[in-house]
PDB file of N, CA and C in Angstrom:
ATOM      1  N   MET A   1      75.639 -29.636 189.798  1.00  0.00           N
ATOM      2  CA  MET A   1      74.736 -29.073 188.764  1.00  0.00           C
ATOM      3  C   MET A   1      74.862 -29.759 187.574  1.00  0.00           C
ATOM      4  N   GLY A   2      75.976 -30.444 187.186  1.00  0.00           N
ATOM      5  CA  GLY A   2      76.161 -31.083 185.949  1.00  0.00           C
ATOM      6  C   GLY A   2      75.185 -32.456 185.889  1.00  0.00           C
ATOM      7  N   ILE A   3      75.116 -33.023 187.095  1.00  0.00           N
ATOM      8  CA  ILE A   3      74.347 -34.229 187.108  1.00  0.00           C
ATOM      9  C   ILE A   3      72.816 -33.987 186.904  1.00  0.00           C
ATOM     10  N   PHE A   4      72.358 -32.895 187.466  1.00  0.00           N
ATOM     11  CA  PHE A   4      70.969 -32.556 187.225  1.00  0.00           C
ATOM     12  C   PHE A   4      70.749 -32.159 185.794  1.00  0.00           C
ATOM     13  N   ASP A   5      71.615 -31.509 185.194  1.00  0.00           N
ATOM     14  CA  ASP A   5      71.464 -31.261 183.711  1.00  0.00           C
ATOM     15  C   ASP A   5      71.402 -32.516 182.903  1.00  0.00           C
ATOM     16  N   TYR A   6      72.221 -33.504 183.268  1.00  0.00           N
ATOM     17  CA  TYR A   6      72.300 -34.758 182.502  1.00  0.00           C
ATOM     18  C   TYR A   6      70.909 -35.426 182.745  1.00  0.00           C
ATOM     19  N   LEU A   7      70.386 -35.471 183.927  1.00  0.00           N
ATOM     20  CA  LEU A   7      69.092 -36.125 184.071  1.00  0.00           C
ATOM     21  C   LEU A   7      67.933 -35.415 183.355  1.00  0.00           C
ATOM     22  N   LYS A   8      67.935 -33.970 183.371  1.00  0.00           N
ATOM     23  CA  LYS A   8      66.954 -33.333 182.598  1.00  0.00           C
ATOM     24  C   LYS A   8      66.967 -33.630 181.091  1.00  0.00           C
ATOM     25  N   SER A   9      68.050 -33.891 180.521  1.00  0.00           N
ATOM     26  CA  SER A   9      68.168 -34.044 179.112  1.00  0.00           C
ATOM     27  C   SER A   9      67.639 -35.456 178.722  1.00  0.00           C
ATOM     28  N   LYS A  10      67.570 -36.406 179.653  1.00  0.00           N
ATOM     29  CA  LYS A  10      67.016 -37.701 179.533  1.00  0.00           C
ATOM     30  C   LYS A  10      65.443 -37.699 179.424  1.00  0.00           C
ATOM     31  N   GLU A  11      64.814 -36.659 180.153  1.00  0.00           N
ATOM     32  CA  GLU A  11      63.433 -36.657 180.249  1.00  0.00           C
ATOM     33  C   GLU A  11      62.895 -36.355 179.039  1.00  0.00           C
ATOM     34  N   THR A  12      63.285 -35.322 178.138  1.00  0.00           N
ATOM     35  CA  THR A  12      62.865 -34.959 176.842  1.00  0.00           C
ATOM     36  C   THR A  12      63.411 -35.611 175.751  1.00  0.00           C
ATOM     37  N   PRO A  13      62.748 -36.277 174.774  1.00  0.00           N
ATOM     38  CA  PRO A  13      63.435 -36.915 173.729  1.00  0.00           C
ATOM     39  C   PRO A  13      64.041 -35.934 172.766  1.00  0.00           C
ATOM     40  N   SER A  14      65.249 -36.218 172.299  1.00  0.00           N
ATOM     41  CA  SER A  14      65.878 -35.329 171.403  1.00  0.00           C
ATOM     42  C   SER A  14      65.207 -35.281 170.096  1.00  0.00           C
ATOM     43  N   SER A  15      65.379 -34.253 169.318  1.00  0.00           N
ATOM     44  CA  SER A  15      64.856 -34.243 167.918  1.00  0.00           C
ATOM     45  C   SER A  15      65.249 -35.362 167.048  1.00  0.00           C
ATOM     46  N   ALA A  16      66.432 -35.782 167.155  1.00  0.00           N
ATOM     47  CA  ALA A  16      66.960 -36.908 166.420  1.00  0.00           C
ATOM     48  C   ALA A  16      66.138 -38.253 166.655  1.00  0.00           C
ATOM     49  N   SER A  17      65.829 -38.467 167.917  1.00  0.00           N
ATOM     50  CA  SER A  17      65.139 -39.786 168.278  1.00  0.00           C
ATOM     51  C   SER A  17      63.642 -39.565 167.834  1.00  0.00           C
ATOM     52  N   VAL A  18      63.008 -38.454 167.884  1.00  0.00           N
ATOM     53  CA  VAL A  18      61.739 -38.159 167.399  1.00  0.00           C
ATOM     54  C   VAL A  18      61.758 -38.422 165.905  1.00  0.00           C
ATOM     55  N   ALA A  19      62.550 -37.878 165.151  1.00  0.00           N
ATOM     56  CA  ALA A  19      62.747 -38.076 163.755  1.00  0.00           C
ATOM     57  C   ALA A  19      62.952 -39.482 163.466  1.00  0.00           C
ATOM     58  N   LYS A  20      63.816 -40.244 164.148  1.00  0.00           N
ATOM     59  CA  LYS A  20      63.993 -41.600 163.865  1.00  0.00           C
ATOM     60  C   LYS A  20      62.688 -42.345 164.014  1.00  0.00           C
ATOM     61  N   ASP A  21      62.009 -42.012 165.124  1.00  0.00           N
ATOM     62  CA  ASP A  21      60.678 -42.806 165.410  1.00  0.00           C
ATOM     63  C   ASP A  21      59.719 -42.412 164.256  1.00  0.00           C
ATOM     64  N   ARG A  22      59.562 -41.282 163.746  1.00  0.00           N
ATOM     65  CA  ARG A  22      58.704 -40.894 162.698  1.00  0.00           C
ATOM     66  C   ARG A  22      58.992 -41.615 161.395  1.00  0.00           C
ATOM     67  N   LEU A  23      60.367 -41.722 161.082  1.00  0.00           N
ATOM     68  CA  LEU A  23      60.878 -42.355 160.033  1.00  0.00           C
ATOM     69  C   LEU A  23      60.497 -43.878 159.959  1.00  0.00           C
ATOM     70  N   GLN A  24      60.685 -44.387 161.123  1.00  0.00           N
ATOM     71  CA  GLN A  24      60.411 -45.881 161.230  1.00  0.00           C
ATOM     72  C   GLN A  24      58.835 -46.111 160.886  1.00  0.00           C
ATOM     73  N   ILE A  25      58.016 -45.285 161.434  1.00  0.00           N
ATOM     74  CA  ILE A  25      56.523 -45.353 161.098  1.00  0.00           C
ATOM     75  C   ILE A  25      56.356 -45.251 159.632  1.00  0.00           C
ATOM     76  N   ILE A  26      57.019 -44.375 158.947  1.00  0.00           N
ATOM     77  CA  ILE A  26      56.721 -44.144 157.460  1.00  0.00           C
ATOM     78  C   ILE A  26      57.321 -45.385 156.701  1.00  0.00           C
ATOM     79  N   VAL A  27      58.382 -45.911 157.095  1.00  0.00           N
ATOM     80  CA  VAL A  27      59.054 -47.016 156.430  1.00  0.00           C
ATOM     81  C   VAL A  27      58.153 -48.242 156.617  1.00  0.00           C
ATOM     82  N   ALA A  28      57.546 -48.393 157.869  1.00  0.00           N
ATOM     83  CA  ALA A  28      56.568 -49.639 158.036  1.00  0.00           C
ATOM     84  C   ALA A  28      55.345 -49.467 157.184  1.00  0.00           C
ATOM     85  N   HIS A  29      54.867 -48.158 157.005  1.00  0.00           N
ATOM     86  CA  HIS A  29      53.708 -48.013 156.321  1.00  0.00           C
ATOM     87  C   HIS A  29      53.968 -48.311 154.864  1.00  0.00           C
ATOM     88  N   GLU A  30      55.007 -47.867 154.335  1.00  0.00           N
ATOM     89  CA  GLU A  30      55.345 -47.978 152.904  1.00  0.00           C
ATOM     90  C   GLU A  30      55.679 -49.490 152.649  1.00  0.00           C
ATOM     91  N   ARG A  31      56.217 -50.264 153.633  1.00  0.00           N
ATOM     92  CA  ARG A  31      56.370 -51.682 153.435  1.00  0.00           C
ATOM     93  C   ARG A  31      55.091 -52.466 153.283  1.00  0.00           C
ATOM     94  N   SER A  32      54.172 -52.095 154.094  1.00  0.00           N
ATOM     95  CA  SER A  32      52.823 -52.711 154.199  1.00  0.00           C
ATOM     96  C   SER A  32      52.143 -52.411 152.757  1.00  0.00           C
ATOM     97  N   LYS A  33      52.459 -51.380 152.048  1.00  0.00           N
ATOM     98  CA  LYS A  33      51.779 -51.108 150.723  1.00  0.00           C
ATOM     99  C   LYS A  33      52.470 -51.680 149.526  1.00  0.00           C
ATOM    100  N   ARG A  34      53.681 -52.326 149.906  1.00  0.00           N
ATOM    101  CA  ARG A  34      54.491 -52.796 148.859  1.00  0.00           C
ATOM    102  C   ARG A  34      53.866 -53.970 148.091  1.00  0.00           C
ATOM    103  N   HIS A  35      53.136 -54.795 148.859  1.00  0.00           N
ATOM    104  CA  HIS A  35      52.479 -55.839 148.164  1.00  0.00           C
ATOM    105  C   HIS A  35      51.262 -55.594 147.455  1.00  0.00           C
ATOM    106  N   GLU A  36      50.747 -54.405 147.423  1.00  0.00           N
ATOM    107  CA  GLU A  36      49.461 -54.071 146.776  1.00  0.00           C
ATOM    108  C   GLU A  36      49.908 -53.722 145.316  1.00  0.00           C
ATOM    109  N   PRO A  37      49.048 -54.085 144.346  1.00  0.00           N
ATOM    110  CA  PRO A  37      49.299 -53.698 142.932  1.00  0.00           C
ATOM    111  C   PRO A  37      49.268 -52.230 142.694  1.00  0.00           C
ATOM    112  N   ASP A  38      49.998 -51.695 141.855  1.00  0.00           N
ATOM    113  CA  ASP A  38      50.049 -50.290 141.571  1.00  0.00           C
ATOM    114  C   ASP A  38      48.572 -49.739 140.990  1.00  0.00           C
ATOM    115  N   TYR A  39      47.894 -50.680 140.388  1.00  0.00           N
ATOM    116  CA  TYR A  39      46.696 -50.306 139.755  1.00  0.00           C
ATOM    117  C   TYR A  39      45.457 -50.195 140.745  1.00  0.00           C
ATOM    118  N   LEU A  40      45.676 -50.516 141.929  1.00  0.00           N
ATOM    119  CA  LEU A  40      44.410 -50.642 142.832  1.00  0.00           C
ATOM    120  C   LEU A  40      43.828 -49.393 143.188  1.00  0.00           C
ATOM    121  N   PRO A  41      44.573 -48.137 143.472  1.00  0.00           N
ATOM    122  CA  PRO A  41      43.939 -46.988 143.642  1.00  0.00           C
ATOM    123  C   PRO A  41      43.162 -46.482 142.434  1.00  0.00           C
ATOM    124  N   ARG A  42      43.793 -46.624 141.268  1.00  0.00           N
ATOM    125  CA  ARG A  42      43.137 -46.223 140.044  1.00  0.00           C
ATOM    126  C   ARG A  42      41.915 -47.013 139.826  1.00  0.00           C
ATOM    127  N   MET A  43      41.871 -48.303 140.008  1.00  0.00           N
ATOM    128  CA  MET A  43      40.671 -49.119 139.834  1.00  0.00           C
ATOM    129  C   MET A  43      39.663 -48.768 140.962  1.00  0.00           C
ATOM    130  N   GLN A  44      39.921 -48.433 142.151  1.00  0.00           N
ATOM    131  CA  GLN A  44      39.036 -48.053 143.054  1.00  0.00           C
ATOM    132  C   GLN A  44      38.360 -46.770 142.546  1.00  0.00           C
ATOM    133  N   GLN A  45      39.061 -45.773 142.064  1.00  0.00           N
ATOM    134  CA  GLN A  45      38.453 -44.533 141.601  1.00  0.00           C
ATOM    135  C   GLN A  45      37.491 -44.728 140.367  1.00  0.00           C
ATOM    136  N   GLU A  46      37.888 -45.669 139.491  1.00  0.00           N
ATOM    137  CA  GLU A  46      36.985 -46.006 138.388  1.00  0.00           C
ATOM    138  C   GLU A  46      35.689 -46.748 138.899  1.00  0.00           C
ATOM    139  N   ILE A  47      35.796 -47.552 139.791  1.00  0.00           N
ATOM    140  CA  ILE A  47      34.661 -48.296 140.384  1.00  0.00           C
ATOM    141  C   ILE A  47      33.656 -47.258 141.066  1.00  0.00           C
ATOM    142  N   ILE A  48      34.285 -46.290 141.690  1.00  0.00           N
ATOM    143  CA  ILE A  48      33.517 -45.226 142.337  1.00  0.00           C
ATOM    144  C   ILE A  48      32.826 -44.432 141.321  1.00  0.00           C
ATOM    145  N   ASP A  49      33.518 -43.987 140.207  1.00  0.00           N
ATOM    146  CA  ASP A  49      32.848 -43.200 139.131  1.00  0.00           C
ATOM    147  C   ASP A  49      31.790 -44.017 138.448  1.00  0.00           C
ATOM    148  N   VAL A  50      31.834 -45.245 138.212  1.00  0.00           N
ATOM    149  CA  VAL A  50      30.749 -46.047 137.715  1.00  0.00           C
ATOM    150  C   VAL A  50      29.595 -46.157 138.585  1.00  0.00           C
ATOM    151  N   ILE A  51      29.848 -46.351 139.812  1.00  0.00           N
ATOM    152  CA  ILE A  51      28.702 -46.504 140.772  1.00  0.00           C
ATOM    153  C   ILE A  51      28.069 -45.121 140.837  1.00  0.00           C
ATOM    154  N   ARG A  52      28.824 -43.932 140.774  1.00  0.00           N
ATOM    155  CA  ARG A  52      28.088 -42.635 140.971  1.00  0.00           C
ATOM    156  C   ARG A  52      27.309 -42.330 139.773  1.00  0.00           C
ATOM    157  N   LYS A  53      27.348 -43.015 138.592  1.00  0.00           N
ATOM    158  CA  LYS A  53      26.464 -42.792 137.576  1.00  0.00           C
ATOM    159  C   LYS A  53      25.008 -43.172 137.963  1.00  0.00           C
ATOM    160  N   TYR A  54      24.887 -44.066 138.942  1.00  0.00           N
ATOM    161  CA  TYR A  54      23.629 -44.522 139.396  1.00  0.00           C
ATOM    162  C   TYR A  54      23.161 -44.234 140.790  1.00  0.00           C
ATOM    163  N   VAL A  55      24.133 -43.979 141.731  1.00  0.00           N
ATOM    164  CA  VAL A  55      23.863 -43.759 142.997  1.00  0.00           C
ATOM    165  C   VAL A  55      24.832 -42.669 143.555  1.00  0.00           C
ATOM    166  N   LYS A  56      24.265 -41.782 144.405  1.00  0.00           N
ATOM    167  CA  LYS A  56      25.170 -40.706 144.981  1.00  0.00           C
ATOM    168  C   LYS A  56      25.930 -41.296 146.170  1.00  0.00           C
ATOM    169  N   ILE A  57      27.198 -41.459 146.089  1.00  0.00           N
ATOM    170  CA  ILE A  57      28.095 -42.078 147.120  1.00  0.00           C
ATOM    171  C   ILE A  57      29.361 -41.186 147.248  1.00  0.00           C
ATOM    172  N   GLY A  58      29.952 -41.307 148.430  1.00  0.00           N
ATOM    173  CA  GLY A  58      31.216 -40.457 148.707  1.00  0.00           C
ATOM    174  C   GLY A  58      32.366 -41.498 148.505  1.00  0.00           C
ATOM    175  N   ASP A  59      33.627 -41.029 148.415  1.00  0.00           N
ATOM    176  CA  ASP A  59      34.847 -41.849 148.317  1.00  0.00           C
ATOM    177  C   ASP A  59      34.997 -42.721 149.479  1.00  0.00           C
ATOM    178  N   GLU A  60      34.511 -42.269 150.597  1.00  0.00           N
ATOM    179  CA  GLU A  60      34.617 -43.081 151.905  1.00  0.00           C
ATOM    180  C   GLU A  60      33.648 -44.143 151.957  1.00  0.00           C
ATOM    181  N   ASP A  61      32.650 -44.275 151.064  1.00  0.00           N
ATOM    182  CA  ASP A  61      31.558 -45.330 151.076  1.00  0.00           C
ATOM    183  C   ASP A  61      32.165 -46.553 150.349  1.00  0.00           C
ATOM    184  N   VAL A  62      33.313 -46.561 149.842  1.00  0.00           N
ATOM    185  CA  VAL A  62      33.872 -47.705 149.121  1.00  0.00           C
ATOM    186  C   VAL A  62      35.097 -48.127 149.715  1.00  0.00           C
ATOM    187  N   GLN A  63      35.132 -49.378 150.037  1.00  0.00           N
ATOM    188  CA  GLN A  63      36.428 -50.039 150.641  1.00  0.00           C
ATOM    189  C   GLN A  63      36.910 -51.135 149.808  1.00  0.00           C
ATOM    190  N   ILE A  64      38.102 -51.207 149.391  1.00  0.00           N
ATOM    191  CA  ILE A  64      38.640 -52.293 148.517  1.00  0.00           C
ATOM    192  C   ILE A  64      39.860 -52.869 149.286  1.00  0.00           C
ATOM    193  N   GLN A  65      39.829 -54.200 149.360  1.00  0.00           N
ATOM    194  CA  GLN A  65      40.895 -54.942 150.113  1.00  0.00           C
ATOM    195  C   GLN A  65      41.366 -56.109 149.083  1.00  0.00           C
ATOM    196  N   LEU A  66      42.665 -56.223 149.184  1.00  0.00           N
ATOM    197  CA  LEU A  66      43.296 -57.307 148.351  1.00  0.00           C
ATOM    198  C   LEU A  66      43.958 -58.308 149.302  1.00  0.00           C
ATOM    199  N   GLU A  67      43.521 -59.624 149.165  1.00  0.00           N
ATOM    200  CA  GLU A  67      44.185 -60.710 150.173  1.00  0.00           C
ATOM    201  C   GLU A  67      44.942 -61.600 149.175  1.00  0.00           C
ATOM    202  N   ASN A  68      46.046 -61.846 149.406  1.00  0.00           N
ATOM    203  CA  ASN A  68      46.923 -62.880 148.718  1.00  0.00           C
ATOM    204  C   ASN A  68      47.066 -64.073 149.556  1.00  0.00           C
ATOM    205  N   THR A  69      46.698 -65.167 148.792  1.00  0.00           N
ATOM    206  CA  THR A  69      47.175 -66.445 149.490  1.00  0.00           C
ATOM    207  C   THR A  69      48.275 -67.148 148.669  1.00  0.00           C
ATOM    208  N   ALA A  70      48.465 -68.320 148.990  1.00  0.00           N
ATOM    209  CA  ALA A  70      49.532 -69.093 148.119  1.00  0.00           C
ATOM    210  C   ALA A  70      49.069 -69.303 146.732  1.00  0.00           C
ATOM    211  N   ASP A  71      47.769 -69.620 146.547  1.00  0.00           N
ATOM    212  CA  ASP A  71      47.350 -70.009 145.102  1.00  0.00           C
ATOM    213  C   ASP A  71      46.381 -69.118 144.507  1.00  0.00           C
ATOM    214  N   CYS A  72      45.976 -68.015 145.116  1.00  0.00           N
ATOM    215  CA  CYS A  72      45.058 -67.040 144.656  1.00  0.00           C
ATOM    216  C   CYS A  72      45.046 -65.684 145.244  1.00  0.00           C
ATOM    217  N   SER A  73      44.419 -64.722 144.493  1.00  0.00           N
ATOM    218  CA  SER A  73      44.273 -63.376 145.121  1.00  0.00           C
ATOM    219  C   SER A  73      42.866 -63.098 145.165  1.00  0.00           C
ATOM    220  N   VAL A  74      42.323 -62.482 146.214  1.00  0.00           N
ATOM    221  CA  VAL A  74      40.896 -62.162 146.321  1.00  0.00           C
ATOM    222  C   VAL A  74      40.825 -60.724 146.483  1.00  0.00           C
ATOM    223  N   LEU A  75      39.997 -60.117 145.646  1.00  0.00           N
ATOM    224  CA  LEU A  75      39.616 -58.545 145.760  1.00  0.00           C
ATOM    225  C   LEU A  75      38.286 -58.536 146.285  1.00  0.00           C
ATOM    226  N   GLU A  76      38.214 -57.837 147.459  1.00  0.00           N
ATOM    227  CA  GLU A  76      36.967 -57.544 148.154  1.00  0.00           C
ATOM    228  C   GLU A  76      36.566 -56.152 148.048  1.00  0.00           C
ATOM    229  N   LEU A  77      35.412 -56.035 147.530  1.00  0.00           N
ATOM    230  CA  LEU A  77      34.755 -54.596 147.407  1.00  0.00           C
ATOM    231  C   LEU A  77      33.556 -54.371 148.234  1.00  0.00           C
ATOM    232  N   ASN A  78      33.517 -53.520 149.085  1.00  0.00           N
ATOM    233  CA  ASN A  78      32.420 -53.176 149.995  1.00  0.00           C
ATOM    234  C   ASN A  78      31.956 -51.709 149.711  1.00  0.00           C
ATOM    235  N   VAL A  79      30.673 -51.552 149.253  1.00  0.00           N
ATOM    236  CA  VAL A  79      30.096 -50.290 148.961  1.00  0.00           C
ATOM    237  C   VAL A  79      28.911 -50.059 149.907  1.00  0.00           C
ATOM    238  N   THR A  80      29.023 -48.838 150.681  1.00  0.00           N
ATOM    239  CA  THR A  80      27.829 -48.547 151.487  1.00  0.00           C
ATOM    240  C   THR A  80      26.909 -47.687 150.713  1.00  0.00           C
ATOM    241  N   LEU A  81      25.708 -48.206 150.295  1.00  0.00           N
ATOM    242  CA  LEU A  81      24.800 -47.513 149.570  1.00  0.00           C
ATOM    243  C   LEU A  81      23.846 -46.765 150.434  1.00  0.00           C
ATOM    244  N   PRO A  82      23.376 -45.545 150.036  1.00  0.00           N
ATOM    245  CA  PRO A  82      22.348 -44.801 150.853  1.00  0.00           C
ATOM    246  C   PRO A  82      21.046 -45.514 150.722  1.00  0.00           C
ATOM    247  N   GLU A  83      20.186 -45.234 151.897  1.00  0.00           N
ATOM    248  CA  GLU A  83      18.958 -45.803 151.886  1.00  0.00           C
ATOM    249  C   GLU A  83      17.970 -45.270 151.072  1.00  0.00           C
TER     250      GLU A  83
END
């Protein structure tokens, strides 16, 4: 019966391994955001506020991406305007 108990424990992941996997996902996500400037979320909100003075849009209608190359940075802004 001891062997069957050993095999059963292998089938379900332990809480420690689940926690480790979740932590690895969080760390990877934070590392990907490390290269973004700190002002980018604030700038996005300010851009949305200015556009809202003229057109009714939601937060999800504005996407901002920052691409860094060796010699320059490109800030791309996409706004979905209502028809």
